[in-house]
Amino acid sequence: MASFIGLGVGPGDPELITLKSIRLLQEADIVTFICNTEGYSQALDIARQALQLLGLTLEEAKLLAIPFRMTRERDEANQAYDHAADKIARYLDEDRSVVFLCEGDPLFFGSFAYLQERLSGRYHCEAVSGISSPQAASAALGVPLALLAENLCVLSGRHNEPELISHFRDFDNAVVLKAGRSRPQILRALKASGRYQDALYIEYATRAEQRIVTDLDKLEPIPGPYFSLFLVSRHKNLVNRKGNS
């Protein structure tokens, strides 16, 4: 039976992809992925690097790129997902297995969920876990996400400033994903909530260009890269300060 499988390739370091994902990459008839308007896919790049480390390659004939413009307009995004699901369905109707590459984990803020929603009524769908950005950031910083009876809140840069302030006050620990363009308001919310001194910042976690800022006074209050996050933690004192600013 043809299957549609979301493969989490992890946060960026190719050594963090799972053995199961490597096996399914090799076995799949079609490997699909979202790319930008220039044709570049971070998820595909990670997968290729992981295979190269093992002396393996990915057949070009297997690849199915899905161009996608990053947008907050849900109508435009839904049309793109509808079109992508139709393309994938054609291969599944031919009884060909399709894997969909996802940065991080496929079901943690992943595009796979939107395709699964459109295809699961007709085809077998499953997900293979990958290391998510909060996990990668926690390890890179040396700071736990949560301990014992503590609670953890996962937010995105789409939350407005009052919402951020409320969540920072109400939870022991918090992660703010996709912080890029919202970085100035996140910094303001951290100050207003009294959690500024508990916060750490990281961008491009586990990648060669990784940057960590443990003293937020050194972080420019301007928009940053898409792949960035804040970790607000009761355990900031545990941070690994070697090589960090």
C-alpha atoms as a PDB file:
ATOM      1  CA  MET A   1       0.000   0.000   0.000  1.00  0.00           C
ATOM      2  CA  ALA A   2       1.335   3.440  -0.936  1.00  0.00           C
ATOM      3  CA  SER A   3       2.143   5.655   2.027  1.00  0.00           C
ATOM      4  CA  PHE A   4       2.641   9.358   2.591  1.00  0.00           C
ATOM      5  CA  ILE A   5       5.274   9.811   5.301  1.00  0.00           C
ATOM      6  CA  GLY A   6       6.472  13.004   6.949  1.00  0.00           C
ATOM      7  CA  LEU A   7      10.172  12.731   7.786  1.00  0.00           C
ATOM      8  CA  GLY A   8      11.663  15.019  10.400  1.00  0.00           C
ATOM      9  CA  VAL A   9      15.241  15.833   9.397  1.00  0.00           C
ATOM     10  CA  GLY A  10      16.057  17.749  12.571  1.00  0.00           C
ATOM     11  CA  PRO A  11      17.147  21.339  13.186  1.00  0.00           C
ATOM     12  CA  GLY A  12      20.118  21.559  10.847  1.00  0.00           C
ATOM     13  CA  ASP A  13      23.039  19.397  11.958  1.00  0.00           C
ATOM     14  CA  PRO A  14      22.922  16.426   9.533  1.00  0.00           C
ATOM     15  CA  GLU A  15      24.206  14.086  12.251  1.00  0.00           C
ATOM     16  CA  LEU A  16      20.924  14.573  14.139  1.00  0.00           C
ATOM     17  CA  ILE A  17      18.685  12.898  11.544  1.00  0.00           C
ATOM     18  CA  THR A  18      17.419   9.468  12.632  1.00  0.00           C
ATOM     19  CA  LEU A  19      18.443   6.134  11.143  1.00  0.00           C
ATOM     20  CA  LYS A  20      14.790   5.448  10.363  1.00  0.00           C
ATOM     21  CA  SER A  21      14.540   8.615   8.294  1.00  0.00           C
ATOM     22  CA  ILE A  22      17.687   7.650   6.381  1.00  0.00           C
ATOM     23  CA  ARG A  23      16.226   4.228   5.602  1.00  0.00           C
ATOM     24  CA  LEU A  24      12.893   5.629   4.440  1.00  0.00           C
ATOM     25  CA  LEU A  25      14.664   8.220   2.295  1.00  0.00           C
ATOM     26  CA  GLN A  26      16.416   5.432   0.438  1.00  0.00           C
ATOM     27  CA  GLU A  27      13.311   3.269   0.129  1.00  0.00           C
ATOM     28  CA  ALA A  28      10.894   5.982  -1.041  1.00  0.00           C
ATOM     29  CA  ASP A  29       9.761   6.241  -4.639  1.00  0.00           C
ATOM     30  CA  ILE A  30       9.307  10.013  -4.362  1.00  0.00           C
ATOM     31  CA  VAL A  31      11.000  12.516  -2.037  1.00  0.00           C
ATOM     32  CA  THR A  32       9.084  15.779  -1.807  1.00  0.00           C
ATOM     33  CA  PHE A  33       9.861  19.003   0.025  1.00  0.00           C
ATOM     34  CA  ILE A  34       8.912  22.649   0.211  1.00  0.00           C
ATOM     35  CA  CYS A  35      11.321  25.059  -1.462  1.00  0.00           C
ATOM     36  CA  ASN A  36      11.462  28.830  -1.741  1.00  0.00           C
ATOM     37  CA  THR A  37      10.866  30.776  -4.935  1.00  0.00           C
ATOM     38  CA  GLU A  38      14.552  30.319  -5.860  1.00  0.00           C
ATOM     39  CA  GLY A  39      14.228  26.540  -5.558  1.00  0.00           C
ATOM     40  CA  TYR A  40      16.207  26.127  -2.320  1.00  0.00           C
ATOM     41  CA  SER A  41      15.056  23.738   0.414  1.00  0.00           C
ATOM     42  CA  GLN A  42      16.697  23.690   3.844  1.00  0.00           C
ATOM     43  CA  ALA A  43      15.135  20.295   4.602  1.00  0.00           C
ATOM     44  CA  LEU A  44      16.515  18.767   1.394  1.00  0.00           C
ATOM     45  CA  ASP A  45      19.938  20.246   2.110  1.00  0.00           C
ATOM     46  CA  ILE A  46      19.999  18.626   5.566  1.00  0.00           C
ATOM     47  CA  ALA A  47      18.899  15.262   4.147  1.00  0.00           C
ATOM     48  CA  ARG A  48      21.545  15.344   1.425  1.00  0.00           C
ATOM     49  CA  GLN A  49      24.293  16.169   3.911  1.00  0.00           C
ATOM     50  CA  ALA A  50      23.180  13.317   6.167  1.00  0.00           C
ATOM     51  CA  LEU A  51      23.288  10.841   3.291  1.00  0.00           C
ATOM     52  CA  GLN A  52      26.709  12.100   2.201  1.00  0.00           C
ATOM     53  CA  LEU A  53      28.083  11.428   5.686  1.00  0.00           C
ATOM     54  CA  LEU A  54      27.145   7.783   5.116  1.00  0.00           C
ATOM     55  CA  GLY A  55      28.504   7.677   1.571  1.00  0.00           C
ATOM     56  CA  LEU A  56      24.988   7.678   0.105  1.00  0.00           C
ATOM     57  CA  THR A  57      23.254   9.872  -2.460  1.00  0.00           C
ATOM     58  CA  LEU A  58      19.699  10.898  -3.294  1.00  0.00           C
ATOM     59  CA  GLU A  59      18.518  10.157  -6.811  1.00  0.00           C
ATOM     60  CA  GLU A  60      17.498  13.340  -8.614  1.00  0.00           C
ATOM     61  CA  ALA A  61      14.698  11.482 -10.405  1.00  0.00           C
ATOM     62  CA  LYS A  62      12.989  10.915  -7.036  1.00  0.00           C
ATOM     63  CA  LEU A  63      12.750  14.594  -6.141  1.00  0.00           C
ATOM     64  CA  LEU A  64       9.513  16.578  -6.227  1.00  0.00           C
ATOM     65  CA  ALA A  65       9.895  20.245  -5.281  1.00  0.00           C
ATOM     66  CA  ILE A  66       6.902  22.175  -3.975  1.00  0.00           C
ATOM     67  CA  PRO A  67       7.502  25.929  -4.394  1.00  0.00           C
ATOM     68  CA  PHE A  68       6.013  27.871  -1.501  1.00  0.00           C
ATOM     69  CA  ARG A  69       6.139  31.562  -0.696  1.00  0.00           C
ATOM     70  CA  MET A  70       6.301  32.266   3.027  1.00  0.00           C
ATOM     71  CA  THR A  71       3.143  34.187   3.866  1.00  0.00           C
ATOM     72  CA  ARG A  72       0.795  34.885   6.761  1.00  0.00           C
ATOM     73  CA  GLU A  73      -2.160  35.007   4.361  1.00  0.00           C
ATOM     74  CA  ARG A  74      -3.987  31.740   5.050  1.00  0.00           C
ATOM     75  CA  ASP A  75      -5.980  31.788   1.804  1.00  0.00           C
ATOM     76  CA  GLU A  76      -2.785  31.867  -0.241  1.00  0.00           C
ATOM     77  CA  ALA A  77      -1.163  29.205   1.941  1.00  0.00           C
ATOM     78  CA  ASN A  78      -4.207  26.928   1.735  1.00  0.00           C
ATOM     79  CA  GLN A  79      -4.243  27.178  -2.049  1.00  0.00           C
ATOM     80  CA  ALA A  80      -0.582  26.156  -2.119  1.00  0.00           C
ATOM     81  CA  TYR A  81      -1.273  23.176   0.151  1.00  0.00           C
ATOM     82  CA  ASP A  82      -4.265  22.149  -1.990  1.00  0.00           C
ATOM     83  CA  HIS A  83      -2.081  22.196  -5.096  1.00  0.00           C
ATOM     84  CA  ALA A  84       0.722  20.270  -3.365  1.00  0.00           C
ATOM     85  CA  ALA A  85      -1.693  17.622  -2.062  1.00  0.00           C
ATOM     86  CA  ASP A  86      -3.066  17.108  -5.578  1.00  0.00           C
ATOM     87  CA  LYS A  87       0.450  16.558  -6.953  1.00  0.00           C
ATOM     88  CA  ILE A  88       1.319  14.097  -4.190  1.00  0.00           C
ATOM     89  CA  ALA A  89      -1.986  12.246  -4.610  1.00  0.00           C
ATOM     90  CA  ARG A  90      -1.161  11.485  -8.245  1.00  0.00           C
ATOM     91  CA  TYR A  91       1.904   9.519  -7.161  1.00  0.00           C
ATOM     92  CA  LEU A  92       0.019   7.767  -4.369  1.00  0.00           C
ATOM     93  CA  ASP A  93      -2.667   6.742  -6.872  1.00  0.00           C
ATOM     94  CA  GLU A  94       0.109   5.030  -8.831  1.00  0.00           C
ATOM     95  CA  ASP A  95       0.943   3.060  -5.656  1.00  0.00           C
ATOM     96  CA  ARG A  96       4.222   4.932  -5.193  1.00  0.00           C
ATOM     97  CA  SER A  97       5.471   5.766  -1.708  1.00  0.00           C
ATOM     98  CA  VAL A  98       6.073   9.452  -0.991  1.00  0.00           C
ATOM     99  CA  VAL A  99       8.121  10.970   1.826  1.00  0.00           C
ATOM    100  CA  PHE A 100       7.867  14.644   2.733  1.00  0.00           C
ATOM    101  CA  LEU A 101      10.945  16.260   4.270  1.00  0.00           C
ATOM    102  CA  CYS A 102      10.398  18.577   7.240  1.00  0.00           C
ATOM    103  CA  GLU A 103      12.855  20.650   9.231  1.00  0.00           C
ATOM    104  CA  GLY A 104      12.674  19.705  12.886  1.00  0.00           C
ATOM    105  CA  ASP A 105       9.702  17.440  13.591  1.00  0.00           C
ATOM    106  CA  PRO A 106       6.890  16.977  11.033  1.00  0.00           C
ATOM    107  CA  LEU A 107       4.093  17.541  13.556  1.00  0.00           C
ATOM    108  CA  PHE A 108       5.643  20.426  15.484  1.00  0.00           C
ATOM    109  CA  PHE A 109       4.728  23.585  13.563  1.00  0.00           C
ATOM    110  CA  GLY A 110       5.350  21.520  10.425  1.00  0.00           C
ATOM    111  CA  SER A 111       3.823  21.844   6.959  1.00  0.00           C
ATOM    112  CA  PHE A 112       3.295  18.084   6.899  1.00  0.00           C
ATOM    113  CA  ALA A 113       0.216  18.468   9.116  1.00  0.00           C
ATOM    114  CA  TYR A 114      -1.589  20.529   6.449  1.00  0.00           C
ATOM    115  CA  LEU A 115      -0.861  17.945   3.760  1.00  0.00           C
ATOM    116  CA  GLN A 116      -1.788  15.075   6.081  1.00  0.00           C
ATOM    117  CA  GLU A 117      -5.116  16.795   6.722  1.00  0.00           C
ATOM    118  CA  ARG A 118      -5.833  16.802   2.987  1.00  0.00           C
ATOM    119  CA  LEU A 119      -4.628  13.256   2.243  1.00  0.00           C
ATOM    120  CA  SER A 120      -5.322  11.093   5.308  1.00  0.00           C
ATOM    121  CA  GLY A 121      -8.914  10.325   4.317  1.00  0.00           C
ATOM    122  CA  ARG A 122      -7.739   8.575   1.149  1.00  0.00           C
ATOM    123  CA  TYR A 123      -4.223   7.329   1.871  1.00  0.00           C
ATOM    124  CA  HIS A 124      -2.100   5.883   4.639  1.00  0.00           C
ATOM    125  CA  CYS A 125      -0.203   8.712   6.340  1.00  0.00           C
ATOM    126  CA  GLU A 126       2.367   8.586   9.109  1.00  0.00           C
ATOM    127  CA  ALA A 127       5.090  10.734  10.655  1.00  0.00           C
ATOM    128  CA  VAL A 128       8.651   9.966  11.700  1.00  0.00           C
ATOM    129  CA  SER A 129       9.855  12.159  14.539  1.00  0.00           C
ATOM    130  CA  GLY A 130      12.776  14.530  14.269  1.00  0.00           C
ATOM    131  CA  ILE A 131      14.563  16.700  16.804  1.00  0.00           C
ATOM    132  CA  SER A 132      12.663  19.975  17.115  1.00  0.00           C
ATOM    133  CA  SER A 133      14.223  23.422  17.473  1.00  0.00           C
ATOM    134  CA  PRO A 134      13.355  23.811  21.205  1.00  0.00           C
ATOM    135  CA  GLN A 135      15.128  20.526  21.942  1.00  0.00           C
ATOM    136  CA  ALA A 136      18.120  21.562  19.846  1.00  0.00           C
ATOM    137  CA  ALA A 137      18.251  24.978  21.503  1.00  0.00           C
ATOM    138  CA  SER A 138      17.988  23.480  24.983  1.00  0.00           C
ATOM    139  CA  ALA A 139      20.941  21.188  24.268  1.00  0.00           C
ATOM    140  CA  ALA A 140      23.025  23.937  22.651  1.00  0.00           C
ATOM    141  CA  LEU A 141      22.437  26.230  25.630  1.00  0.00           C
ATOM    142  CA  GLY A 142      22.788  23.507  28.251  1.00  0.00           C
ATOM    143  CA  VAL A 143      19.533  24.667  29.837  1.00  0.00           C
ATOM    144  CA  PRO A 144      16.585  22.312  30.624  1.00  0.00           C
ATOM    145  CA  LEU A 145      13.232  23.012  29.004  1.00  0.00           C
ATOM    146  CA  ALA A 146      11.439  21.969  32.205  1.00  0.00           C
ATOM    147  CA  LEU A 147      12.072  20.042  35.413  1.00  0.00           C
ATOM    148  CA  LEU A 148       9.884  18.349  38.037  1.00  0.00           C
ATOM    149  CA  ALA A 149       6.528  20.154  38.414  1.00  0.00           C
ATOM    150  CA  GLU A 150       7.458  23.086  36.175  1.00  0.00           C
ATOM    151  CA  ASN A 151       5.294  23.988  33.209  1.00  0.00           C
ATOM    152  CA  LEU A 152       6.439  24.923  29.713  1.00  0.00           C
ATOM    153  CA  CYS A 153       4.715  27.193  27.212  1.00  0.00           C
ATOM    154  CA  VAL A 154       5.446  27.043  23.476  1.00  0.00           C
ATOM    155  CA  LEU A 155       4.722  30.286  21.641  1.00  0.00           C
ATOM    156  CA  SER A 156       5.408  31.728  18.223  1.00  0.00           C
ATOM    157  CA  GLY A 157       6.383  35.180  17.067  1.00  0.00           C
ATOM    158  CA  ARG A 158       2.818  35.621  15.833  1.00  0.00           C
ATOM    159  CA  HIS A 159       1.550  36.297  19.353  1.00  0.00           C
ATOM    160  CA  ASN A 160       0.962  39.946  20.150  1.00  0.00           C
ATOM    161  CA  GLU A 161       2.799  41.764  22.915  1.00  0.00           C
ATOM    162  CA  PRO A 162       0.080  41.535  25.624  1.00  0.00           C
ATOM    163  CA  GLU A 163      -0.246  37.776  24.999  1.00  0.00           C
ATOM    164  CA  LEU A 164       3.506  37.307  25.304  1.00  0.00           C
ATOM    165  CA  ILE A 165       3.615  39.277  28.551  1.00  0.00           C
ATOM    166  CA  SER A 166       0.786  37.195  30.016  1.00  0.00           C
ATOM    167  CA  HIS A 167       2.387  33.869  29.078  1.00  0.00           C
ATOM    168  CA  PHE A 168       5.829  34.884  30.328  1.00  0.00           C
ATOM    169  CA  ARG A 169       4.281  35.722  33.697  1.00  0.00           C
ATOM    170  CA  ASP A 170       2.089  32.623  33.929  1.00  0.00           C
ATOM    171  CA  PHE A 171       4.606  29.906  32.979  1.00  0.00           C
ATOM    172  CA  ASP A 172       7.839  28.768  34.598  1.00  0.00           C
ATOM    173  CA  ASN A 173       9.523  28.318  31.247  1.00  0.00           C
ATOM    174  CA  ALA A 174       8.671  29.355  27.694  1.00  0.00           C
ATOM    175  CA  VAL A 175       9.957  29.011  24.156  1.00  0.00           C
ATOM    176  CA  VAL A 176       9.173  31.603  21.491  1.00  0.00           C
ATOM    177  CA  LEU A 177       9.672  30.147  18.013  1.00  0.00           C
ATOM    178  CA  LYS A 178       9.948  32.002  14.700  1.00  0.00           C
ATOM    179  CA  ALA A 179      11.108  35.043  16.582  1.00  0.00           C
ATOM    180  CA  GLY A 180      12.703  36.775  13.583  1.00  0.00           C
ATOM    181  CA  ARG A 181      10.596  39.761  12.613  1.00  0.00           C
ATOM    182  CA  SER A 182       8.988  39.904  16.089  1.00  0.00           C
ATOM    183  CA  ARG A 183      12.259  40.219  17.982  1.00  0.00           C
ATOM    184  CA  PRO A 184      11.724  43.869  19.049  1.00  0.00           C
ATOM    185  CA  GLN A 185       8.292  43.188  20.558  1.00  0.00           C
ATOM    186  CA  ILE A 186       9.506  39.984  22.243  1.00  0.00           C
ATOM    187  CA  LEU A 187      12.277  41.944  23.947  1.00  0.00           C
ATOM    188  CA  ARG A 188       9.746  44.545  25.100  1.00  0.00           C
ATOM    189  CA  ALA A 189       7.439  41.811  26.417  1.00  0.00           C
ATOM    190  CA  LEU A 190      10.283  40.176  28.332  1.00  0.00           C
ATOM    191  CA  LYS A 191      11.067  43.474  30.061  1.00  0.00           C
ATOM    192  CA  ALA A 192       7.413  44.236  30.804  1.00  0.00           C
ATOM    193  CA  SER A 193       6.821  40.758  32.262  1.00  0.00           C
ATOM    194  CA  GLY A 194       9.876  40.836  34.501  1.00  0.00           C
ATOM    195  CA  ARG A 195      11.434  37.843  32.704  1.00  0.00           C
ATOM    196  CA  TYR A 196      14.133  39.686  30.765  1.00  0.00           C
ATOM    197  CA  GLN A 197      16.937  38.306  32.943  1.00  0.00           C
ATOM    198  CA  ASP A 198      15.592  34.746  32.534  1.00  0.00           C
ATOM    199  CA  ALA A 199      15.761  34.782  28.736  1.00  0.00           C
ATOM    200  CA  LEU A 200      18.290  33.494  26.221  1.00  0.00           C
ATOM    201  CA  TYR A 201      18.391  33.855  22.454  1.00  0.00           C
ATOM    202  CA  ILE A 202      19.636  31.469  19.771  1.00  0.00           C
ATOM    203  CA  GLU A 203      19.504  31.492  15.986  1.00  0.00           C
ATOM    204  CA  TYR A 204      20.323  28.703  13.522  1.00  0.00           C
ATOM    205  CA  ALA A 205      20.629  26.148  16.346  1.00  0.00           C
ATOM    206  CA  THR A 206      23.094  23.297  15.596  1.00  0.00           C
ATOM    207  CA  ARG A 207      24.174  24.834  12.275  1.00  0.00           C
ATOM    208  CA  ALA A 208      27.573  26.257  11.373  1.00  0.00           C
ATOM    209  CA  GLU A 209      26.195  29.807  11.656  1.00  0.00           C
ATOM    210  CA  GLN A 210      24.662  29.208  15.106  1.00  0.00           C
ATOM    211  CA  ARG A 211      24.619  32.306  17.307  1.00  0.00           C
ATOM    212  CA  ILE A 212      23.818  32.361  21.022  1.00  0.00           C
ATOM    213  CA  VAL A 213      23.174  35.476  23.102  1.00  0.00           C
ATOM    214  CA  THR A 214      22.945  34.976  26.867  1.00  0.00           C
ATOM    215  CA  ASP A 215      23.000  38.692  27.750  1.00  0.00           C
ATOM    216  CA  LEU A 216      20.031  40.245  25.957  1.00  0.00           C
ATOM    217  CA  ASP A 217      21.497  43.728  26.416  1.00  0.00           C
ATOM    218  CA  LYS A 218      23.862  42.663  23.616  1.00  0.00           C
ATOM    219  CA  LEU A 219      21.009  41.669  21.282  1.00  0.00           C
ATOM    220  CA  GLU A 220      19.975  44.314  18.776  1.00  0.00           C
ATOM    221  CA  PRO A 221      16.228  45.203  19.063  1.00  0.00           C
ATOM    222  CA  ILE A 222      15.726  44.748  15.327  1.00  0.00           C
ATOM    223  CA  PRO A 223      14.152  41.952  13.248  1.00  0.00           C
ATOM    224  CA  GLY A 224      16.321  38.837  13.012  1.00  0.00           C
ATOM    225  CA  PRO A 225      16.378  35.608  10.994  1.00  0.00           C
ATOM    226  CA  TYR A 226      13.360  33.318  10.705  1.00  0.00           C
ATOM    227  CA  PHE A 227      15.229  30.423  12.327  1.00  0.00           C
ATOM    228  CA  SER A 228      15.625  31.996  15.750  1.00  0.00           C
ATOM    229  CA  LEU A 229      14.016  31.552  19.152  1.00  0.00           C
ATOM    230  CA  PHE A 230      13.977  32.767  22.730  1.00  0.00           C
ATOM    231  CA  LEU A 231      14.141  30.405  25.694  1.00  0.00           C
ATOM    232  CA  VAL A 232      12.784  31.799  28.957  1.00  0.00           C
ATOM    233  CA  SER A 233      13.968  29.576  31.789  1.00  0.00           C
ATOM    234  CA  ARG A 234      14.125  29.378  35.567  1.00  0.00           C
ATOM    235  CA  HIS A 235      17.468  27.623  34.985  1.00  0.00           C
ATOM    236  CA  LYS A 236      19.397  30.247  33.049  1.00  0.00           C
ATOM    237  CA  ASN A 237      22.177  29.897  35.634  1.00  0.00           C
ATOM    238  CA  LEU A 238      23.024  26.503  34.070  1.00  0.00           C
ATOM    239  CA  VAL A 239      23.775  27.966  30.643  1.00  0.00           C
ATOM    240  CA  ASN A 240      26.992  26.935  28.933  1.00  0.00           C
ATOM    241  CA  ARG A 241      28.671  30.334  28.527  1.00  0.00           C
ATOM    242  CA  LYS A 242      31.698  29.114  26.579  1.00  0.00           C
ATOM    243  CA  GLY A 243      31.858  30.983  23.273  1.00  0.00           C
ATOM    244  CA  ASN A 244      28.544  32.776  23.898  1.00  0.00           C
ATOM    245  CA  SER A 245      27.862  36.494  24.130  1.00  0.00           C
END
